[in-house]
PDB file of all heavy atoms in Angstrom:
ATOM      1  N   PHE A   1     145.229 -44.753  43.313  1.00  0.00           N
ATOM      2  CA  PHE A   1     146.498 -44.973  43.966  1.00  0.00           C
ATOM      3  C   PHE A   1     146.508 -46.316  44.711  1.00  0.00           C
ATOM      4  O   PHE A   1     145.529 -46.662  45.368  1.00  0.00           O
ATOM      5  CB  PHE A   1     146.751 -43.856  45.027  1.00  0.00           C
ATOM      6  CG  PHE A   1     146.885 -42.474  44.459  1.00  0.00           C
ATOM      7  CD1 PHE A   1     145.835 -41.591  44.539  1.00  0.00           C
ATOM      8  CD2 PHE A   1     148.045 -42.086  43.851  1.00  0.00           C
ATOM      9  CE1 PHE A   1     145.921 -40.306  44.012  1.00  0.00           C
ATOM     10  CE2 PHE A   1     148.179 -40.789  43.337  1.00  0.00           C
ATOM     11  CZ  PHE A   1     147.123 -39.911  43.422  1.00  0.00           C
ATOM     12  N   HIS A   2     147.619 -47.060  44.578  1.00  0.00           N
ATOM     13  CA  HIS A   2     147.781 -48.195  45.463  1.00  0.00           C
ATOM     14  C   HIS A   2     148.223 -47.677  46.856  1.00  0.00           C
ATOM     15  O   HIS A   2     148.439 -46.533  47.037  1.00  0.00           O
ATOM     16  CB  HIS A   2     148.848 -49.184  44.867  1.00  0.00           C
ATOM     17  CG  HIS A   2     150.201 -48.509  44.624  1.00  0.00           C
ATOM     18  ND1 HIS A   2     151.048 -48.195  45.632  1.00  0.00           N
ATOM     19  CD2 HIS A   2     150.774 -48.144  43.460  1.00  0.00           C
ATOM     20  CE1 HIS A   2     152.166 -47.611  45.120  1.00  0.00           C
ATOM     21  NE2 HIS A   2     152.007 -47.606  43.799  1.00  0.00           N
ATOM     22  N   ASN A   3     148.334 -48.618  47.786  1.00  0.00           N
ATOM     23  CA  ASN A   3     148.663 -48.209  49.157  1.00  0.00           C
ATOM     24  C   ASN A   3     150.077 -48.575  49.588  1.00  0.00           C
ATOM     25  O   ASN A   3     150.355 -48.799  50.750  1.00  0.00           O
ATOM     26  CB  ASN A   3     147.647 -48.804  50.158  1.00  0.00           C
ATOM     27  CG  ASN A   3     147.736 -50.345  50.165  1.00  0.00           C
ATOM     28  OD1 ASN A   3     148.441 -50.949  49.353  1.00  0.00           O
ATOM     29  ND2 ASN A   3     147.022 -50.977  51.118  1.00  0.00           N
ATOM     30  N   ARG A   4     151.009 -48.579  48.566  1.00  0.00           N
ATOM     31  CA  ARG A   4     152.425 -48.883  48.878  1.00  0.00           C
ATOM     32  C   ARG A   4     153.314 -47.747  48.403  1.00  0.00           C
ATOM     33  O   ARG A   4     154.109 -47.884  47.466  1.00  0.00           O
ATOM     34  CB  ARG A   4     152.837 -50.195  48.253  1.00  0.00           C
ATOM     35  CG  ARG A   4     152.165 -51.474  48.792  1.00  0.00           C
ATOM     36  CD  ARG A   4     152.336 -51.641  50.310  1.00  0.00           C
ATOM     37  NE  ARG A   4     153.666 -51.680  50.793  1.00  0.00           N
ATOM     38  CZ  ARG A   4     154.300 -52.733  51.281  1.00  0.00           C
ATOM     39  NH1 ARG A   4     153.619 -53.864  51.334  1.00  0.00           N
ATOM     40  NH2 ARG A   4     155.507 -52.708  51.736  1.00  0.00           N
ATOM     41  N   PRO A   5     153.183 -46.581  49.045  1.00  0.00           N
ATOM     42  CA  PRO A   5     154.067 -45.454  48.619  1.00  0.00           C
ATOM     43  C   PRO A   5     155.522 -45.688  48.897  1.00  0.00           C
ATOM     44  O   PRO A   5     156.384 -44.924  48.475  1.00  0.00           O
ATOM     45  CB  PRO A   5     153.489 -44.282  49.430  1.00  0.00           C
ATOM     46  CG  PRO A   5     152.875 -44.888  50.663  1.00  0.00           C
ATOM     47  CD  PRO A   5     152.297 -46.175  50.106  1.00  0.00           C
ATOM     48  N   ASP A   6     155.822 -46.777  49.687  1.00  0.00           N
ATOM     49  CA  ASP A   6     157.226 -47.130  49.920  1.00  0.00           C
ATOM     50  C   ASP A   6     157.810 -48.023  48.831  1.00  0.00           C
ATOM     51  O   ASP A   6     158.900 -48.577  48.979  1.00  0.00           O
ATOM     52  CB  ASP A   6     157.333 -47.832  51.300  1.00  0.00           C
ATOM     53  CG  ASP A   6     156.486 -49.103  51.385  1.00  0.00           C
ATOM     54  OD1 ASP A   6     155.600 -49.296  50.519  1.00  0.00           O
ATOM     55  OD2 ASP A   6     156.664 -49.882  52.322  1.00  0.00           O
ATOM     56  N   PHE A   7     157.103 -48.136  47.698  1.00  0.00           N
ATOM     57  CA  PHE A   7     157.531 -49.082  46.684  1.00  0.00           C
ATOM     58  C   PHE A   7     158.939 -48.856  46.152  1.00  0.00           C
ATOM     59  O   PHE A   7     159.640 -49.777  45.717  1.00  0.00           O
ATOM     60  CB  PHE A   7     156.545 -49.085  45.494  1.00  0.00           C
ATOM     61  CG  PHE A   7     156.596 -47.843  44.639  1.00  0.00           C
ATOM     62  CD1 PHE A   7     157.414 -47.845  43.501  1.00  0.00           C
ATOM     63  CD2 PHE A   7     155.863 -46.736  44.943  1.00  0.00           C
ATOM     64  CE1 PHE A   7     157.464 -46.677  42.690  1.00  0.00           C
ATOM     65  CE2 PHE A   7     155.901 -45.590  44.145  1.00  0.00           C
ATOM     66  CZ  PHE A   7     156.744 -45.578  43.036  1.00  0.00           C
ATOM     67  N   GLY A   8     159.391 -47.635  46.160  1.00  0.00           N
ATOM     68  CA  GLY A   8     160.728 -47.349  45.684  1.00  0.00           C
ATOM     69  C   GLY A   8     161.821 -48.026  46.435  1.00  0.00           C
ATOM     70  O   GLY A   8     162.932 -48.266  45.934  1.00  0.00           O
ATOM     71  N   THR A   9     161.529 -48.429  47.684  1.00  0.00           N
ATOM     72  CA  THR A   9     162.549 -49.089  48.498  1.00  0.00           C
ATOM     73  C   THR A   9     162.646 -50.607  48.219  1.00  0.00           C
ATOM     74  O   THR A   9     163.582 -51.260  48.728  1.00  0.00           O
ATOM     75  CB  THR A   9     162.241 -48.893  50.022  1.00  0.00           C
ATOM     76  OG1 THR A   9     161.002 -49.561  50.328  1.00  0.00           O
ATOM     77  CG2 THR A   9     162.158 -47.438  50.393  1.00  0.00           C
ATOM     78  N   PHE A  10     161.718 -51.159  47.472  1.00  0.00           N
ATOM     79  CA  PHE A  10     161.727 -52.595  47.253  1.00  0.00           C
ATOM     80  C   PHE A  10     161.504 -53.008  45.816  1.00  0.00           C
ATOM     81  O   PHE A  10     161.294 -54.163  45.495  1.00  0.00           O
ATOM     82  CB  PHE A  10     160.743 -53.340  48.179  1.00  0.00           C
ATOM     83  CG  PHE A  10     159.290 -52.950  47.997  1.00  0.00           C
ATOM     84  CD1 PHE A  10     158.524 -53.452  46.931  1.00  0.00           C
ATOM     85  CD2 PHE A  10     158.650 -52.171  48.965  1.00  0.00           C
ATOM     86  CE1 PHE A  10     157.163 -53.121  46.819  1.00  0.00           C
ATOM     87  CE2 PHE A  10     157.321 -51.850  48.823  1.00  0.00           C
ATOM     88  CZ  PHE A  10     156.576 -52.298  47.773  1.00  0.00           C
ATOM     89  N   THR A  11     161.648 -52.072  44.835  1.00  0.00           N
ATOM     90  CA  THR A  11     161.568 -52.440  43.437  1.00  0.00           C
ATOM     91  C   THR A  11     162.923 -52.315  42.791  1.00  0.00           C
ATOM     92  O   THR A  11     163.666 -51.377  43.095  1.00  0.00           O
ATOM     93  CB  THR A  11     160.537 -51.519  42.715  1.00  0.00           C
ATOM     94  OG1 THR A  11     160.858 -50.154  42.934  1.00  0.00           O
ATOM     95  CG2 THR A  11     159.123 -51.846  43.154  1.00  0.00           C
ATOM     96  N   SER A  12     163.198 -53.193  41.863  1.00  0.00           N
ATOM     97  CA  SER A  12     164.556 -53.235  41.257  1.00  0.00           C
ATOM     98  C   SER A  12     164.400 -53.373  39.757  1.00  0.00           C
ATOM     99  O   SER A  12     163.658 -54.251  39.280  1.00  0.00           O
ATOM    100  CB  SER A  12     165.377 -54.414  41.805  1.00  0.00           C
ATOM    101  OG  SER A  12     165.542 -54.287  43.180  1.00  0.00           O
ATOM    102  N   ALA A  13     165.136 -52.566  39.013  1.00  0.00           N
ATOM    103  CA  ALA A  13     165.030 -52.530  37.531  1.00  0.00           C
ATOM    104  C   ALA A  13     166.339 -52.950  36.952  1.00  0.00           C
ATOM    105  O   ALA A  13     167.401 -52.933  37.570  1.00  0.00           O
ATOM    106  CB  ALA A  13     164.660 -51.146  37.080  1.00  0.00           C
ATOM    107  N   SER A  14     166.275 -53.271  35.620  1.00  0.00           N
ATOM    108  CA  SER A  14     167.458 -53.458  34.816  1.00  0.00           C
ATOM    109  C   SER A  14     167.326 -52.438  33.661  1.00  0.00           C
ATOM    110  O   SER A  14     166.459 -52.586  32.819  1.00  0.00           O
ATOM    111  CB  SER A  14     167.515 -54.880  34.283  1.00  0.00           C
ATOM    112  OG  SER A  14     168.709 -55.016  33.450  1.00  0.00           O
ATOM    113  N   GLN A  15     168.122 -51.392  33.682  1.00  0.00           N
ATOM    114  CA  GLN A  15     167.953 -50.284  32.797  1.00  0.00           C
ATOM    115  C   GLN A  15     169.186 -50.174  31.869  1.00  0.00           C
ATOM    116  O   GLN A  15     170.303 -50.459  32.272  1.00  0.00           O
ATOM    117  CB  GLN A  15     167.775 -49.001  33.582  1.00  0.00           C
ATOM    118  CG  GLN A  15     166.475 -49.014  34.373  1.00  0.00           C
ATOM    119  CD  GLN A  15     166.349 -47.920  35.388  1.00  0.00           C
ATOM    120  OE1 GLN A  15     165.319 -47.788  36.062  1.00  0.00           O
ATOM    121  NE2 GLN A  15     167.353 -47.099  35.565  1.00  0.00           N
ATOM    122  N   VAL A  16     168.930 -49.679  30.668  1.00  0.00           N
ATOM    123  CA  VAL A  16     170.016 -49.417  29.733  1.00  0.00           C
ATOM    124  C   VAL A  16     169.799 -48.071  29.083  1.00  0.00           C
ATOM    125  O   VAL A  16     168.687 -47.738  28.697  1.00  0.00           O
ATOM    126  CB  VAL A  16     170.144 -50.585  28.683  1.00  0.00           C
ATOM    127  CG1 VAL A  16     168.858 -50.755  27.924  1.00  0.00           C
ATOM    128  CG2 VAL A  16     171.292 -50.301  27.739  1.00  0.00           C
ATOM    129  N   GLN A  17     170.844 -47.288  29.028  1.00  0.00           N
ATOM    130  CA  GLN A  17     170.826 -46.009  28.343  1.00  0.00           C
ATOM    131  C   GLN A  17     171.625 -46.128  27.051  1.00  0.00           C
ATOM    132  O   GLN A  17     172.771 -46.612  27.098  1.00  0.00           O
ATOM    133  CB  GLN A  17     171.411 -44.893  29.188  1.00  0.00           C
ATOM    134  CG  GLN A  17     170.556 -44.432  30.295  1.00  0.00           C
ATOM    135  CD  GLN A  17     170.978 -43.053  30.821  1.00  0.00           C
ATOM    136  OE1 GLN A  17     171.372 -42.130  30.076  1.00  0.00           O
ATOM    137  NE2 GLN A  17     170.976 -42.892  32.157  1.00  0.00           N
ATOM    138  N   LEU A  18     171.054 -45.694  25.954  1.00  0.00           N
ATOM    139  CA  LEU A  18     171.734 -45.746  24.641  1.00  0.00           C
ATOM    140  C   LEU A  18     171.722 -44.363  24.013  1.00  0.00           C
ATOM    141  O   LEU A  18     170.697 -43.669  24.039  1.00  0.00           O
ATOM    142  CB  LEU A  18     171.051 -46.752  23.728  1.00  0.00           C
ATOM    143  CG  LEU A  18     171.013 -48.197  24.182  1.00  0.00           C
ATOM    144  CD1 LEU A  18     170.219 -49.055  23.201  1.00  0.00           C
ATOM    145  CD2 LEU A  18     172.427 -48.742  24.319  1.00  0.00           C
ATOM    146  N   ASP A  19     172.839 -43.980  23.457  1.00  0.00           N
ATOM    147  CA  ASP A  19     172.913 -42.730  22.718  1.00  0.00           C
ATOM    148  C   ASP A  19     171.896 -42.781  21.578  1.00  0.00           C
ATOM    149  O   ASP A  19     171.729 -43.776  20.904  1.00  0.00           O
ATOM    150  CB  ASP A  19     174.293 -42.512  22.140  1.00  0.00           C
ATOM    151  CG  ASP A  19     175.299 -42.071  23.188  1.00  0.00           C
ATOM    152  OD1 ASP A  19     175.140 -40.971  23.745  1.00  0.00           O
ATOM    153  OD2 ASP A  19     176.221 -42.866  23.493  1.00  0.00           O
ATOM    154  N   VAL A  20     171.189 -41.656  21.405  1.00  0.00           N
ATOM    155  CA  VAL A  20     170.182 -41.539  20.342  1.00  0.00           C
ATOM    156  C   VAL A  20     170.515 -40.298  19.500  1.00  0.00           C
ATOM    157  O   VAL A  20     171.013 -39.298  20.049  1.00  0.00           O
ATOM    158  CB  VAL A  20     168.764 -41.502  20.908  1.00  0.00           C
ATOM    159  CG1 VAL A  20     168.532 -40.261  21.759  1.00  0.00           C
ATOM    160  CG2 VAL A  20     167.720 -41.587  19.832  1.00  0.00           C
ATOM    161  N   TYR A  21     170.260 -40.380  18.222  1.00  0.00           N
ATOM    162  CA  TYR A  21     170.655 -39.283  17.344  1.00  0.00           C
ATOM    163  C   TYR A  21     169.395 -38.520  16.815  1.00  0.00           C
ATOM    164  O   TYR A  21     168.348 -39.164  16.599  1.00  0.00           O
ATOM    165  CB  TYR A  21     171.480 -39.842  16.176  1.00  0.00           C
ATOM    166  CG  TYR A  21     172.677 -40.670  16.647  1.00  0.00           C
ATOM    167  CD1 TYR A  21     172.868 -41.962  16.191  1.00  0.00           C
ATOM    168  CD2 TYR A  21     173.564 -40.145  17.582  1.00  0.00           C
ATOM    169  CE1 TYR A  21     173.919 -42.722  16.655  1.00  0.00           C
ATOM    170  CE2 TYR A  21     174.628 -40.924  18.042  1.00  0.00           C
ATOM    171  CZ  TYR A  21     174.783 -42.219  17.580  1.00  0.00           C
ATOM    172  OH  TYR A  21     175.854 -42.959  18.064  1.00  0.00           O
ATOM    173  N   TYR A  22     169.572 -37.290  16.618  1.00  0.00           N
ATOM    174  CA  TYR A  22     168.456 -36.370  16.256  1.00  0.00           C
ATOM    175  C   TYR A  22     167.581 -36.937  15.106  1.00  0.00           C
ATOM    176  O   TYR A  22     166.379 -36.974  15.173  1.00  0.00           O
ATOM    177  CB  TYR A  22     169.039 -35.007  15.875  1.00  0.00           C
ATOM    178  CG  TYR A  22     167.981 -34.000  15.498  1.00  0.00           C
ATOM    179  CD1 TYR A  22     167.339 -33.227  16.474  1.00  0.00           C
ATOM    180  CD2 TYR A  22     167.639 -33.780  14.156  1.00  0.00           C
ATOM    181  CE1 TYR A  22     166.350 -32.310  16.131  1.00  0.00           C
ATOM    182  CE2 TYR A  22     166.687 -32.821  13.822  1.00  0.00           C
ATOM    183  CZ  TYR A  22     166.039 -32.097  14.794  1.00  0.00           C
ATOM    184  OH  TYR A  22     165.098 -31.162  14.438  1.00  0.00           O
ATOM    185  N   ASP A  23     168.281 -37.382  14.022  1.00  0.00           N
ATOM    186  CA  ASP A  23     167.552 -37.801  12.844  1.00  0.00           C
ATOM    187  C   ASP A  23     166.682 -39.033  13.052  1.00  0.00           C
ATOM    188  O   ASP A  23     165.700 -39.238  12.337  1.00  0.00           O
ATOM    189  CB  ASP A  23     168.512 -38.076  11.687  1.00  0.00           C
ATOM    190  CG  ASP A  23     169.181 -36.788  11.164  1.00  0.00           C
ATOM    191  OD1 ASP A  23     168.650 -35.707  11.480  1.00  0.00           O
ATOM    192  OD2 ASP A  23     170.206 -36.911  10.477  1.00  0.00           O
ATOM    193  N   SER A  24     167.021 -39.857  14.053  1.00  0.00           N
ATOM    194  CA  SER A  24     166.239 -41.043  14.309  1.00  0.00           C
ATOM    195  C   SER A  24     165.508 -40.997  15.642  1.00  0.00           C
ATOM    196  O   SER A  24     164.974 -42.017  16.076  1.00  0.00           O
ATOM    197  CB  SER A  24     167.148 -42.312  14.251  1.00  0.00           C
ATOM    198  OG  SER A  24     168.184 -42.203  15.205  1.00  0.00           O
ATOM    199  N   LEU A  25     165.522 -39.859  16.263  1.00  0.00           N
ATOM    200  CA  LEU A  25     164.937 -39.768  17.636  1.00  0.00           C
ATOM    201  C   LEU A  25     163.493 -40.148  17.666  1.00  0.00           C
ATOM    202  O   LEU A  25     163.065 -40.939  18.507  1.00  0.00           O
ATOM    203  CB  LEU A  25     165.138 -38.330  18.159  1.00  0.00           C
ATOM    204  CG  LEU A  25     164.530 -37.941  19.496  1.00  0.00           C
ATOM    205  CD1 LEU A  25     164.994 -38.895  20.601  1.00  0.00           C
ATOM    206  CD2 LEU A  25     164.818 -36.523  19.873  1.00  0.00           C
ATOM    207  N   ILE A  26     162.672 -39.598  16.793  1.00  0.00           N
ATOM    208  CA  ILE A  26     161.253 -39.864  16.803  1.00  0.00           C
ATOM    209  C   ILE A  26     160.964 -41.318  16.478  1.00  0.00           C
ATOM    210  O   ILE A  26     160.145 -41.992  17.120  1.00  0.00           O
ATOM    211  CB  ILE A  26     160.499 -38.922  15.827  1.00  0.00           C
ATOM    212  CG1 ILE A  26     160.693 -37.465  16.249  1.00  0.00           C
ATOM    213  CG2 ILE A  26     159.006 -39.265  15.793  1.00  0.00           C
ATOM    214  CD1 ILE A  26     160.213 -37.127  17.639  1.00  0.00           C
ATOM    215  N   ASP A  27     161.634 -41.847  15.455  1.00  0.00           N
ATOM    216  CA  ASP A  27     161.469 -43.273  15.118  1.00  0.00           C
ATOM    217  C   ASP A  27     161.873 -44.160  16.263  1.00  0.00           C
ATOM    218  O   ASP A  27     161.236 -45.198  16.514  1.00  0.00           O
ATOM    219  CB  ASP A  27     162.278 -43.636  13.876  1.00  0.00           C
ATOM    220  CG  ASP A  27     161.625 -43.184  12.592  1.00  0.00           C
ATOM    221  OD1 ASP A  27     160.435 -42.844  12.596  1.00  0.00           O
ATOM    222  OD2 ASP A  27     162.296 -43.220  11.527  1.00  0.00           O
ATOM    223  N   THR A  28     162.891 -43.816  16.989  1.00  0.00           N
ATOM    224  CA  THR A  28     163.341 -44.636  18.134  1.00  0.00           C
ATOM    225  C   THR A  28     162.279 -44.671  19.184  1.00  0.00           C
ATOM    226  O   THR A  28     161.922 -45.746  19.718  1.00  0.00           O
ATOM    227  CB  THR A  28     164.667 -44.098  18.705  1.00  0.00           C
ATOM    228  OG1 THR A  28     165.658 -44.089  17.671  1.00  0.00           O
ATOM    229  CG2 THR A  28     165.124 -44.980  19.847  1.00  0.00           C
ATOM    230  N   ILE A  29     161.739 -43.527  19.561  1.00  0.00           N
ATOM    231  CA  ILE A  29     160.707 -43.464  20.601  1.00  0.00           C
ATOM    232  C   ILE A  29     159.473 -44.223  20.144  1.00  0.00           C
ATOM    233  O   ILE A  29     158.924 -45.041  20.896  1.00  0.00           O
ATOM    234  CB  ILE A  29     160.345 -42.006  20.955  1.00  0.00           C
ATOM    235  CG1 ILE A  29     161.560 -41.367  21.682  1.00  0.00           C
ATOM    236  CG2 ILE A  29     159.116 -41.968  21.868  1.00  0.00           C
ATOM    237  CD1 ILE A  29     161.383 -39.890  21.947  1.00  0.00           C
ATOM    238  N   ASN A  30     158.984 -43.963  18.951  1.00  0.00           N
ATOM    239  CA  ASN A  30     157.755 -44.631  18.478  1.00  0.00           C
ATOM    240  C   ASN A  30     157.916 -46.138  18.338  1.00  0.00           C
ATOM    241  O   ASN A  30     157.065 -46.931  18.757  1.00  0.00           O
ATOM    242  CB  ASN A  30     157.345 -44.042  17.089  1.00  0.00           C
ATOM    243  CG  ASN A  30     156.812 -42.636  17.201  1.00  0.00           C
ATOM    244  OD1 ASN A  30     156.319 -42.228  18.259  1.00  0.00           O
ATOM    245  ND2 ASN A  30     156.876 -41.935  16.117  1.00  0.00           N
ATOM    246  N   THR A  31     159.057 -46.553  17.769  1.00  0.00           N
ATOM    247  CA  THR A  31     159.234 -48.007  17.505  1.00  0.00           C
ATOM    248  C   THR A  31     159.417 -48.777  18.761  1.00  0.00           C
ATOM    249  O   THR A  31     158.793 -49.843  18.968  1.00  0.00           O
ATOM    250  CB  THR A  31     160.437 -48.199  16.568  1.00  0.00           C
ATOM    251  OG1 THR A  31     160.227 -47.490  15.369  1.00  0.00           O
ATOM    252  CG2 THR A  31     160.652 -49.689  16.277  1.00  0.00           C
ATOM    253  N   PHE A  32     160.224 -48.295  19.687  1.00  0.00           N
ATOM    254  CA  PHE A  32     160.396 -49.002  20.944  1.00  0.00           C
ATOM    255  C   PHE A  32     159.136 -48.919  21.810  1.00  0.00           C
ATOM    256  O   PHE A  32     158.916 -49.813  22.641  1.00  0.00           O
ATOM    257  CB  PHE A  32     161.630 -48.491  21.710  1.00  0.00           C
ATOM    258  CG  PHE A  32     162.901 -49.136  21.206  1.00  0.00           C
ATOM    259  CD1 PHE A  32     163.608 -48.548  20.179  1.00  0.00           C
ATOM    260  CD2 PHE A  32     163.381 -50.311  21.795  1.00  0.00           C
ATOM    261  CE1 PHE A  32     164.798 -49.143  19.712  1.00  0.00           C
ATOM    262  CE2 PHE A  32     164.560 -50.908  21.311  1.00  0.00           C
ATOM    263  CZ  PHE A  32     165.246 -50.328  20.296  1.00  0.00           C
ATOM    264  N   GLY A  33     158.324 -47.906  21.604  1.00  0.00           N
ATOM    265  CA  GLY A  33     157.004 -47.900  22.293  1.00  0.00           C
ATOM    266  C   GLY A  33     156.141 -49.028  21.816  1.00  0.00           C
ATOM    267  O   GLY A  33     155.478 -49.701  22.631  1.00  0.00           O
ATOM    268  N   LYS A  34     156.124 -49.251  20.501  1.00  0.00           N
ATOM    269  CA  LYS A  34     155.333 -50.370  19.957  1.00  0.00           C
ATOM    270  C   LYS A  34     155.870 -51.737  20.381  1.00  0.00           C
ATOM    271  O   LYS A  34     155.159 -52.721  20.427  1.00  0.00           O
ATOM    272  CB  LYS A  34     155.318 -50.323  18.431  1.00  0.00           C
ATOM    273  CG  LYS A  34     154.461 -49.179  17.846  1.00  0.00           C
ATOM    274  CD  LYS A  34     154.527 -49.241  16.365  1.00  0.00           C
ATOM    275  CE  LYS A  34     153.698 -48.102  15.757  1.00  0.00           C
ATOM    276  NZ  LYS A  34     153.797 -48.092  14.269  1.00  0.00           N
ATOM    277  N   LEU A  35     157.177 -51.772  20.734  1.00  0.00           N
ATOM    278  CA  LEU A  35     157.794 -53.013  21.208  1.00  0.00           C
ATOM    279  C   LEU A  35     157.424 -53.354  22.622  1.00  0.00           C
ATOM    280  O   LEU A  35     157.568 -54.530  23.044  1.00  0.00           O
ATOM    281  CB  LEU A  35     159.327 -52.857  21.077  1.00  0.00           C
ATOM    282  CG  LEU A  35     160.201 -54.025  21.420  1.00  0.00           C
ATOM    283  CD1 LEU A  35     159.993 -55.152  20.399  1.00  0.00           C
ATOM    284  CD2 LEU A  35     161.677 -53.594  21.419  1.00  0.00           C
ATOM    285  N   GLU A  36     156.979 -52.380  23.400  1.00  0.00           N
ATOM    286  CA  GLU A  36     156.758 -52.601  24.849  1.00  0.00           C
ATOM    287  C   GLU A  36     155.916 -53.846  25.197  1.00  0.00           C
ATOM    288  O   GLU A  36     156.219 -54.552  26.139  1.00  0.00           O
ATOM    289  CB  GLU A  36     156.163 -51.338  25.516  1.00  0.00           C
ATOM    290  CG  GLU A  36     157.189 -50.247  25.757  1.00  0.00           C
ATOM    291  CD  GLU A  36     158.250 -50.631  26.759  1.00  0.00           C
ATOM    292  OE1 GLU A  36     157.997 -51.468  27.642  1.00  0.00           O
ATOM    293  OE2 GLU A  36     159.367 -50.088  26.672  1.00  0.00           O
ATOM    294  N   PRO A  37     154.822 -54.097  24.497  1.00  0.00           N
ATOM    295  CA  PRO A  37     154.038 -55.302  24.837  1.00  0.00           C
ATOM    296  C   PRO A  37     154.846 -56.586  24.707  1.00  0.00           C
ATOM    297  O   PRO A  37     154.725 -57.489  25.552  1.00  0.00           O
ATOM    298  CB  PRO A  37     152.865 -55.298  23.883  1.00  0.00           C
ATOM    299  CG  PRO A  37     152.710 -53.830  23.491  1.00  0.00           C
ATOM    300  CD  PRO A  37     154.116 -53.324  23.470  1.00  0.00           C
ATOM    301  N   TYR A  38     155.676 -56.691  23.697  1.00  0.00           N
ATOM    302  CA  TYR A  38     156.526 -57.874  23.517  1.00  0.00           C
ATOM    303  C   TYR A  38     157.585 -57.953  24.632  1.00  0.00           C
ATOM    304  O   TYR A  38     157.908 -59.046  25.130  1.00  0.00           O
ATOM    305  CB  TYR A  38     157.187 -57.827  22.155  1.00  0.00           C
ATOM    306  CG  TYR A  38     156.242 -58.061  21.011  1.00  0.00           C
ATOM    307  CD1 TYR A  38     155.916 -57.071  20.098  1.00  0.00           C
ATOM    308  CD2 TYR A  38     155.639 -59.316  20.835  1.00  0.00           C
ATOM    309  CE1 TYR A  38     155.044 -57.284  19.065  1.00  0.00           C
ATOM    310  CE2 TYR A  38     154.757 -59.580  19.771  1.00  0.00           C
ATOM    311  CZ  TYR A  38     154.482 -58.546  18.908  1.00  0.00           C
ATOM    312  OH  TYR A  38     153.584 -58.789  17.881  1.00  0.00           O
ATOM    313  N   LYS A  39     158.111 -56.802  25.039  1.00  0.00           N
ATOM    314  CA  LYS A  39     159.043 -56.799  26.143  1.00  0.00           C
ATOM    315  C   LYS A  39     158.391 -57.299  27.426  1.00  0.00           C
ATOM    316  O   LYS A  39     159.064 -57.990  28.241  1.00  0.00           O
ATOM    317  CB  LYS A  39     159.612 -55.394  26.333  1.00  0.00           C
ATOM    318  CG  LYS A  39     160.664 -54.988  25.301  1.00  0.00           C
ATOM    319  CD  LYS A  39     161.021 -53.527  25.398  1.00  0.00           C
ATOM    320  CE  LYS A  39     161.539 -53.116  26.752  1.00  0.00           C
ATOM    321  NZ  LYS A  39     161.941 -51.674  26.778  1.00  0.00           N
TER     322      LYS A  39
END
């Protein structure tokens, strides 16, 4: 554990929610997971 449990008060994100469809759900999670290092 780090020693900044107050981190939620000073961290800021840019988030996007996108509709996902059943037939491509697993591919979406796996593919964007592999993309994370590039992000």
